[in-house]
Amino acid sequence: MQLHLRTQVQQDYLSVFHAFDEQLFRKLSPPYPKLKLLRFDGSSPGDVVEVELQTGVKSFRWTSLITESKVTDTEAYFIDEGQELPPPLRQWHHKHLITKKGSGAIIHDIITYSTDFHPLDVLLYPLMLAQFSMRKPIYGREFGKV
């Protein structure tokens, strides 16, 4: 299943791309489940991000590996792929793409996920949409609303 969210911001695409650090990661964390950051290497290939999802009942580990990163004259991106995922997720691929838009930029969150059971993927879609839509106002505060 794929989700593609776009947020237009005022800052240039390279400034936005280089701001994807631990501080921004913490700001983008959803209110639920609570995330405990265990490791944050960065956003370059080979870097690892590891969190513990704390639901209040049980904790789950989520480990992602940064597998790719590229900067061109018009866009910049990095990709994180799930290595250890909480149930029911089986696959996770998140492309953080920032494209040039005039003097500003568009932040794209392109998420592909799977539980290996399509009806469950469809049921999870509204939750994924809600979780990642919460990033839009944070991006606006951090990089300037358009």
N, C-alpha and C. Protein backbone atom coordinates (compact mmCIF):
# COMPACT_ATOMS: atom_id res chain seq x y z
N MET A 1 0.86 -1.17 0.00
CA MET A 1 0.00 0.00 0.00
C MET A 1 0.90 1.23 0.00
N GLN A 2 0.53 2.26 -0.74
CA GLN A 2 1.35 3.47 -0.77
C GLN A 2 0.56 4.70 -0.36
N LEU A 3 1.26 5.55 0.38
CA LEU A 3 0.73 6.83 0.86
C LEU A 3 1.71 7.89 0.40
N HIS A 4 1.21 9.00 -0.18
CA HIS A 4 2.09 10.08 -0.64
C HIS A 4 1.50 11.41 -0.16
N LEU A 5 2.18 11.99 0.81
CA LEU A 5 1.76 13.29 1.34
C LEU A 5 2.73 14.37 0.87
N ARG A 6 2.20 15.55 0.54
CA ARG A 6 3.00 16.67 0.07
C ARG A 6 2.74 17.88 0.96
N THR A 7 3.83 18.57 1.34
CA THR A 7 3.71 19.79 2.14
C THR A 7 4.62 20.85 1.52
N GLN A 8 4.02 21.96 1.09
CA GLN A 8 4.81 23.04 0.52
C GLN A 8 5.29 23.95 1.65
N VAL A 9 6.58 24.32 1.60
CA VAL A 9 7.20 25.17 2.62
C VAL A 9 7.99 26.29 1.94
N GLN A 10 8.37 27.30 2.74
CA GLN A 10 9.05 28.47 2.20
C GLN A 10 10.55 28.29 2.01
N GLN A 11 11.19 27.51 2.86
CA GLN A 11 12.65 27.36 2.77
C GLN A 11 13.05 26.58 1.53
N ASP A 12 14.28 26.81 1.07
CA ASP A 12 14.77 26.11 -0.11
C ASP A 12 14.99 24.62 0.19
N TYR A 13 14.96 23.83 -0.85
CA TYR A 13 14.96 22.37 -0.69
C TYR A 13 16.22 21.84 0.00
N LEU A 14 17.37 22.46 -0.24
CA LEU A 14 18.60 21.97 0.39
C LEU A 14 18.61 22.25 1.90
N SER A 15 18.13 23.42 2.29
CA SER A 15 18.04 23.73 3.73
C SER A 15 17.11 22.75 4.43
N VAL A 16 16.00 22.46 3.79
CA VAL A 16 15.03 21.51 4.36
C VAL A 16 15.66 20.13 4.45
N PHE A 17 16.29 19.69 3.39
CA PHE A 17 16.90 18.36 3.38
C PHE A 17 17.93 18.21 4.50
N HIS A 18 18.78 19.21 4.67
CA HIS A 18 19.83 19.13 5.68
C HIS A 18 19.31 19.28 7.10
N ALA A 19 18.04 19.67 7.25
CA ALA A 19 17.45 19.82 8.58
C ALA A 19 16.87 18.50 9.12
N PHE A 20 16.90 17.45 8.31
CA PHE A 20 16.37 16.16 8.78
C PHE A 20 17.40 15.51 9.70
N ASP A 21 17.36 15.96 10.95
CA ASP A 21 18.29 15.49 11.96
C ASP A 21 17.51 14.94 13.16
N GLU A 22 18.22 14.62 14.22
CA GLU A 22 17.58 14.04 15.40
C GLU A 22 16.55 14.99 16.01
N GLN A 23 16.87 16.27 16.04
CA GLN A 23 15.95 17.24 16.63
C GLN A 23 14.62 17.27 15.86
N LEU A 24 14.69 17.29 14.52
CA LEU A 24 13.45 17.28 13.72
C LEU A 24 12.74 15.95 13.87
N PHE A 25 13.48 14.85 13.92
CA PHE A 25 12.88 13.53 14.11
C PHE A 25 12.02 13.52 15.38
N ARG A 26 12.56 14.07 16.45
CA ARG A 26 11.82 14.11 17.72
C ARG A 26 10.55 14.96 17.60
N LYS A 27 10.63 16.08 16.89
CA LYS A 27 9.46 16.94 16.70
C LYS A 27 8.39 16.26 15.88
N LEU A 28 8.80 15.42 14.92
CA LEU A 28 7.85 14.75 14.03
C LEU A 28 7.21 13.51 14.64
N SER A 29 7.70 13.09 15.79
CA SER A 29 7.16 11.89 16.44
C SER A 29 5.70 12.09 16.81
N PRO A 30 4.86 11.12 16.53
CA PRO A 30 3.42 11.26 16.82
C PRO A 30 3.17 11.22 18.33
N PRO A 31 2.03 11.76 18.76
CA PRO A 31 1.71 11.71 20.19
C PRO A 31 1.44 10.29 20.68
N TYR A 32 0.95 9.42 19.79
CA TYR A 32 0.71 8.02 20.16
C TYR A 32 0.96 7.14 18.94
N PRO A 33 1.65 6.04 19.10
CA PRO A 33 2.28 5.60 20.34
C PRO A 33 3.50 6.47 20.66
N LYS A 34 3.83 6.56 21.92
CA LYS A 34 4.98 7.33 22.37
C LYS A 34 6.24 6.64 21.85
N LEU A 35 7.19 7.46 21.37
CA LEU A 35 8.43 6.91 20.85
C LEU A 35 9.57 7.19 21.82
N LYS A 36 10.32 6.17 22.11
CA LYS A 36 11.56 6.32 22.87
C LYS A 36 12.69 6.11 21.86
N LEU A 37 13.46 7.17 21.62
CA LEU A 37 14.55 7.08 20.64
C LEU A 37 15.73 6.34 21.26
N LEU A 38 16.10 5.23 20.66
CA LEU A 38 17.21 4.41 21.15
C LEU A 38 18.50 4.69 20.39
N ARG A 39 18.35 5.03 19.10
CA ARG A 39 19.53 5.28 18.26
C ARG A 39 19.13 6.14 17.09
N PHE A 40 19.96 7.13 16.80
CA PHE A 40 19.75 7.97 15.62
C PHE A 40 21.13 8.30 15.06
N ASP A 41 21.51 7.62 13.99
CA ASP A 41 22.81 7.86 13.38
C ASP A 41 22.80 9.03 12.41
N GLY A 42 21.66 9.26 11.76
CA GLY A 42 21.56 10.32 10.76
C GLY A 42 20.71 9.87 9.59
N SER A 43 20.89 10.55 8.45
CA SER A 43 20.07 10.29 7.27
C SER A 43 20.91 9.94 6.05
N SER A 44 22.05 9.33 6.28
CA SER A 44 22.93 8.92 5.19
C SER A 44 22.91 7.40 5.06
N PRO A 45 23.19 6.88 3.87
CA PRO A 45 23.20 5.43 3.69
C PRO A 45 24.08 4.74 4.74
N GLY A 46 23.51 3.68 5.31
CA GLY A 46 24.19 2.93 6.36
C GLY A 46 23.81 3.37 7.77
N ASP A 47 23.20 4.55 7.89
CA ASP A 47 22.76 5.03 9.20
C ASP A 47 21.55 4.22 9.67
N VAL A 48 21.43 4.11 10.99
CA VAL A 48 20.35 3.35 11.60
C VAL A 48 19.56 4.27 12.52
N VAL A 49 18.24 4.11 12.49
CA VAL A 49 17.34 4.79 13.43
C VAL A 49 16.56 3.69 14.13
N GLU A 50 16.62 3.71 15.46
CA GLU A 50 15.96 2.68 16.24
C GLU A 50 15.11 3.33 17.32
N VAL A 51 13.85 2.92 17.38
CA VAL A 51 12.94 3.46 18.39
C VAL A 51 12.22 2.31 19.08
N GLU A 52 11.69 2.65 20.23
CA GLU A 52 10.80 1.73 20.94
C GLU A 52 9.43 2.40 20.96
N LEU A 53 8.44 1.74 20.39
CA LEU A 53 7.07 2.24 20.40
C LEU A 53 6.44 1.80 21.72
N GLN A 54 6.01 2.76 22.51
CA GLN A 54 5.43 2.47 23.81
C GLN A 54 3.93 2.72 23.75
N THR A 55 3.15 1.63 23.77
CA THR A 55 1.70 1.74 23.62
C THR A 55 0.99 1.91 24.96
N GLY A 56 1.72 1.73 26.05
CA GLY A 56 1.09 1.76 27.37
C GLY A 56 0.80 0.36 27.87
N VAL A 57 0.66 -0.58 26.94
CA VAL A 57 0.41 -1.98 27.29
C VAL A 57 1.66 -2.81 26.98
N LYS A 58 2.21 -2.56 25.82
CA LYS A 58 3.36 -3.32 25.36
C LYS A 58 4.27 -2.40 24.56
N SER A 59 5.55 -2.71 24.52
CA SER A 59 6.51 -1.95 23.73
C SER A 59 6.96 -2.78 22.55
N PHE A 60 7.23 -2.10 21.45
CA PHE A 60 7.68 -2.75 20.23
C PHE A 60 8.90 -2.00 19.69
N ARG A 61 9.84 -2.72 19.17
CA ARG A 61 11.03 -2.12 18.58
C ARG A 61 10.80 -1.90 17.10
N TRP A 62 11.30 -0.75 16.61
CA TRP A 62 11.26 -0.42 15.18
C TRP A 62 12.66 0.05 14.81
N THR A 63 13.28 -0.67 13.90
CA THR A 63 14.61 -0.31 13.44
C THR A 63 14.56 -0.09 11.93
N SER A 64 15.07 1.06 11.51
CA SER A 64 15.13 1.37 10.09
C SER A 64 16.57 1.63 9.68
N LEU A 65 16.88 1.23 8.47
CA LEU A 65 18.20 1.45 7.88
C LEU A 65 18.05 2.46 6.76
N ILE A 66 18.92 3.47 6.73
CA ILE A 66 18.92 4.41 5.61
C ILE A 66 19.66 3.71 4.48
N THR A 67 18.95 3.47 3.39
CA THR A 67 19.50 2.66 2.30
C THR A 67 19.97 3.47 1.11
N GLU A 68 19.49 4.71 0.99
CA GLU A 68 19.81 5.50 -0.19
C GLU A 68 19.66 6.97 0.14
N SER A 69 20.46 7.80 -0.54
CA SER A 69 20.38 9.24 -0.40
C SER A 69 20.93 9.86 -1.67
N LYS A 70 20.31 10.95 -2.11
CA LYS A 70 20.79 11.59 -3.34
C LYS A 70 20.38 13.06 -3.33
N VAL A 71 21.27 13.89 -3.87
CA VAL A 71 21.01 15.32 -4.01
C VAL A 71 21.28 15.71 -5.45
N THR A 72 20.32 16.38 -6.09
CA THR A 72 20.50 16.91 -7.45
C THR A 72 20.22 18.41 -7.42
N ASP A 73 20.19 19.01 -8.59
CA ASP A 73 19.91 20.45 -8.69
C ASP A 73 18.46 20.80 -8.41
N THR A 74 17.57 19.80 -8.38
CA THR A 74 16.15 20.09 -8.21
C THR A 74 15.49 19.32 -7.07
N GLU A 75 16.20 18.32 -6.51
CA GLU A 75 15.60 17.53 -5.44
C GLU A 75 16.67 16.87 -4.58
N ALA A 76 16.23 16.43 -3.42
CA ALA A 76 17.10 15.68 -2.52
C ALA A 76 16.21 14.68 -1.79
N TYR A 77 16.77 13.51 -1.51
CA TYR A 77 15.98 12.52 -0.80
C TYR A 77 16.87 11.55 -0.03
N PHE A 78 16.24 10.89 0.92
CA PHE A 78 16.84 9.71 1.54
C PHE A 78 15.71 8.72 1.79
N ILE A 79 16.08 7.45 1.86
CA ILE A 79 15.10 6.38 2.03
C ILE A 79 15.44 5.61 3.29
N ASP A 80 14.41 5.40 4.12
CA ASP A 80 14.59 4.49 5.25
C ASP A 80 13.73 3.24 5.01
N GLU A 81 14.33 2.10 5.29
CA GLU A 81 13.64 0.82 5.11
C GLU A 81 13.62 0.08 6.44
N GLY A 82 12.44 -0.42 6.79
CA GLY A 82 12.28 -1.14 8.03
C GLY A 82 13.07 -2.43 8.06
N GLN A 83 13.82 -2.63 9.14
CA GLN A 83 14.58 -3.87 9.34
C GLN A 83 13.90 -4.73 10.39
N GLU A 84 13.48 -4.10 11.47
CA GLU A 84 12.71 -4.75 12.54
C GLU A 84 11.46 -3.89 12.73
N LEU A 85 10.31 -4.49 12.49
CA LEU A 85 9.06 -3.74 12.48
C LEU A 85 8.09 -4.27 13.52
N PRO A 86 7.24 -3.38 14.05
CA PRO A 86 6.21 -3.84 14.98
C PRO A 86 5.10 -4.55 14.22
N PRO A 87 4.47 -5.53 14.85
CA PRO A 87 3.33 -6.17 14.19
C PRO A 87 2.20 -5.15 14.02
N PRO A 88 1.46 -5.22 12.97
CA PRO A 88 1.41 -6.27 11.96
C PRO A 88 2.28 -5.97 10.73
N LEU A 89 3.10 -4.90 10.78
CA LEU A 89 3.89 -4.53 9.60
C LEU A 89 4.93 -5.60 9.26
N ARG A 90 5.08 -5.83 7.96
CA ARG A 90 6.09 -6.77 7.46
C ARG A 90 7.10 -6.05 6.57
N GLN A 91 6.64 -4.96 5.90
CA GLN A 91 7.52 -4.20 5.01
C GLN A 91 7.28 -2.71 5.22
N TRP A 92 8.38 -1.94 5.14
CA TRP A 92 8.31 -0.49 5.31
C TRP A 92 9.37 0.15 4.44
N HIS A 93 8.96 1.10 3.63
CA HIS A 93 9.86 1.86 2.74
C HIS A 93 9.36 3.30 2.78
N HIS A 94 10.19 4.22 3.27
CA HIS A 94 9.78 5.61 3.39
C HIS A 94 10.80 6.48 2.67
N LYS A 95 10.35 7.10 1.59
CA LYS A 95 11.19 8.03 0.84
C LYS A 95 10.86 9.44 1.31
N HIS A 96 11.87 10.11 1.85
CA HIS A 96 11.77 11.50 2.29
C HIS A 96 12.32 12.33 1.13
N LEU A 97 11.43 12.84 0.30
CA LEU A 97 11.82 13.56 -0.91
C LEU A 97 11.51 15.04 -0.73
N ILE A 98 12.48 15.89 -1.04
CA ILE A 98 12.28 17.33 -1.00
C ILE A 98 12.59 17.86 -2.39
N THR A 99 11.59 18.48 -3.02
CA THR A 99 11.75 18.99 -4.37
C THR A 99 11.73 20.52 -4.35
N LYS A 100 12.46 21.08 -5.29
CA LYS A 100 12.54 22.53 -5.45
C LYS A 100 11.22 23.05 -6.01
N LYS A 101 10.73 24.14 -5.42
CA LYS A 101 9.49 24.76 -5.91
C LYS A 101 9.67 26.27 -5.80
N GLY A 102 10.12 26.89 -6.89
CA GLY A 102 10.44 28.32 -6.85
C GLY A 102 11.55 28.56 -5.83
N SER A 103 11.33 29.49 -4.91
CA SER A 103 12.34 29.73 -3.86
C SER A 103 12.09 28.85 -2.64
N GLY A 104 11.00 28.08 -2.68
CA GLY A 104 10.66 27.19 -1.57
C GLY A 104 10.87 25.74 -1.95
N ALA A 105 10.10 24.88 -1.29
CA ALA A 105 10.25 23.44 -1.52
C ALA A 105 8.94 22.73 -1.23
N ILE A 106 8.86 21.50 -1.71
CA ILE A 106 7.76 20.60 -1.36
C ILE A 106 8.39 19.39 -0.68
N ILE A 107 7.88 19.08 0.51
CA ILE A 107 8.32 17.89 1.23
C ILE A 107 7.34 16.78 0.90
N HIS A 108 7.87 15.68 0.40
CA HIS A 108 7.06 14.51 0.06
C HIS A 108 7.39 13.40 1.06
N ASP A 109 6.39 12.87 1.70
CA ASP A 109 6.52 11.65 2.49
C ASP A 109 5.87 10.56 1.65
N ILE A 110 6.70 9.68 1.08
CA ILE A 110 6.20 8.62 0.22
C ILE A 110 6.45 7.31 0.97
N ILE A 111 5.37 6.73 1.47
CA ILE A 111 5.46 5.55 2.33
C ILE A 111 4.82 4.37 1.62
N THR A 112 5.56 3.29 1.56
CA THR A 112 5.03 2.03 1.05
C THR A 112 5.14 1.03 2.19
N TYR A 113 4.03 0.42 2.54
CA TYR A 113 4.02 -0.53 3.66
C TYR A 113 3.19 -1.75 3.30
N SER A 114 3.43 -2.83 4.04
CA SER A 114 2.65 -4.04 3.84
C SER A 114 2.62 -4.86 5.12
N THR A 115 1.49 -5.48 5.34
CA THR A 115 1.34 -6.45 6.43
C THR A 115 1.35 -7.87 5.87
N ASP A 116 1.44 -7.98 4.57
CA ASP A 116 1.31 -9.24 3.82
C ASP A 116 -0.14 -9.75 3.81
N PHE A 117 -1.09 -8.89 4.20
CA PHE A 117 -2.51 -9.22 4.16
C PHE A 117 -3.25 -7.97 3.69
N HIS A 118 -3.55 -7.92 2.39
CA HIS A 118 -4.07 -6.71 1.76
C HIS A 118 -5.27 -6.08 2.49
N PRO A 119 -6.26 -6.85 2.95
CA PRO A 119 -7.38 -6.21 3.66
C PRO A 119 -6.90 -5.44 4.91
N LEU A 120 -5.90 -5.95 5.60
CA LEU A 120 -5.37 -5.23 6.76
C LEU A 120 -4.61 -3.99 6.32
N ASP A 121 -3.89 -4.05 5.21
CA ASP A 121 -3.21 -2.87 4.67
C ASP A 121 -4.23 -1.75 4.43
N VAL A 122 -5.37 -2.12 3.84
CA VAL A 122 -6.42 -1.13 3.56
C VAL A 122 -6.98 -0.55 4.86
N LEU A 123 -7.19 -1.40 5.86
CA LEU A 123 -7.69 -0.93 7.15
C LEU A 123 -6.70 0.01 7.85
N LEU A 124 -5.41 -0.22 7.66
CA LEU A 124 -4.39 0.62 8.28
C LEU A 124 -4.21 1.97 7.59
N TYR A 125 -4.64 2.07 6.34
CA TYR A 125 -4.42 3.28 5.55
C TYR A 125 -4.90 4.56 6.26
N PRO A 126 -6.12 4.61 6.79
CA PRO A 126 -6.56 5.84 7.46
C PRO A 126 -5.68 6.20 8.67
N LEU A 127 -5.21 5.19 9.39
CA LEU A 127 -4.33 5.44 10.53
C LEU A 127 -2.99 6.01 10.05
N MET A 128 -2.43 5.42 9.01
CA MET A 128 -1.16 5.92 8.45
C MET A 128 -1.34 7.35 7.94
N LEU A 129 -2.44 7.60 7.26
CA LEU A 129 -2.72 8.94 6.75
C LEU A 129 -2.80 9.93 7.90
N ALA A 130 -3.51 9.58 8.96
CA ALA A 130 -3.64 10.47 10.12
C ALA A 130 -2.29 10.71 10.78
N GLN A 131 -1.51 9.65 10.99
CA GLN A 131 -0.21 9.78 11.65
C GLN A 131 0.72 10.70 10.86
N PHE A 132 0.79 10.51 9.56
CA PHE A 132 1.73 11.30 8.77
C PHE A 132 1.18 12.68 8.40
N SER A 133 -0.12 12.86 8.43
CA SER A 133 -0.69 14.20 8.22
C SER A 133 -0.33 15.13 9.38
N MET A 134 -0.07 14.56 10.54
CA MET A 134 0.34 15.37 11.70
C MET A 134 1.68 16.06 11.47
N ARG A 135 2.43 15.63 10.49
CA ARG A 135 3.71 16.25 10.19
C ARG A 135 3.55 17.59 9.49
N LYS A 136 2.46 17.77 8.76
CA LYS A 136 2.29 18.97 7.94
C LYS A 136 2.41 20.27 8.75
N PRO A 137 1.71 20.44 9.87
CA PRO A 137 1.87 21.68 10.62
C PRO A 137 3.27 21.84 11.23
N ILE A 138 3.91 20.72 11.55
CA ILE A 138 5.28 20.78 12.08
C ILE A 138 6.22 21.26 10.99
N TYR A 139 6.08 20.72 9.80
CA TYR A 139 6.89 21.19 8.68
C TYR A 139 6.66 22.69 8.46
N GLY A 140 5.40 23.12 8.55
CA GLY A 140 5.09 24.53 8.37
C GLY A 140 5.77 25.42 9.41
N ARG A 141 5.74 24.98 10.66
CA ARG A 141 6.40 25.76 11.72
C ARG A 141 7.92 25.79 11.53
N GLU A 142 8.48 24.68 11.13
CA GLU A 142 9.93 24.56 11.00
C GLU A 142 10.47 25.27 9.76
N PHE A 143 9.74 25.19 8.66
CA PHE A 143 10.27 25.65 7.38
C PHE A 143 9.47 26.77 6.72
N GLY A 144 8.45 27.27 7.40
CA GLY A 144 7.64 28.36 6.87
C GLY A 144 6.45 27.87 6.07
N LYS A 145 5.28 28.27 6.51
CA LYS A 145 4.05 27.91 5.80
C LYS A 145 3.94 28.67 4.50
N VAL A 146 3.28 28.03 3.54
CA VAL A 146 3.02 28.69 2.25
C VAL A 146 1.52 28.89 2.14
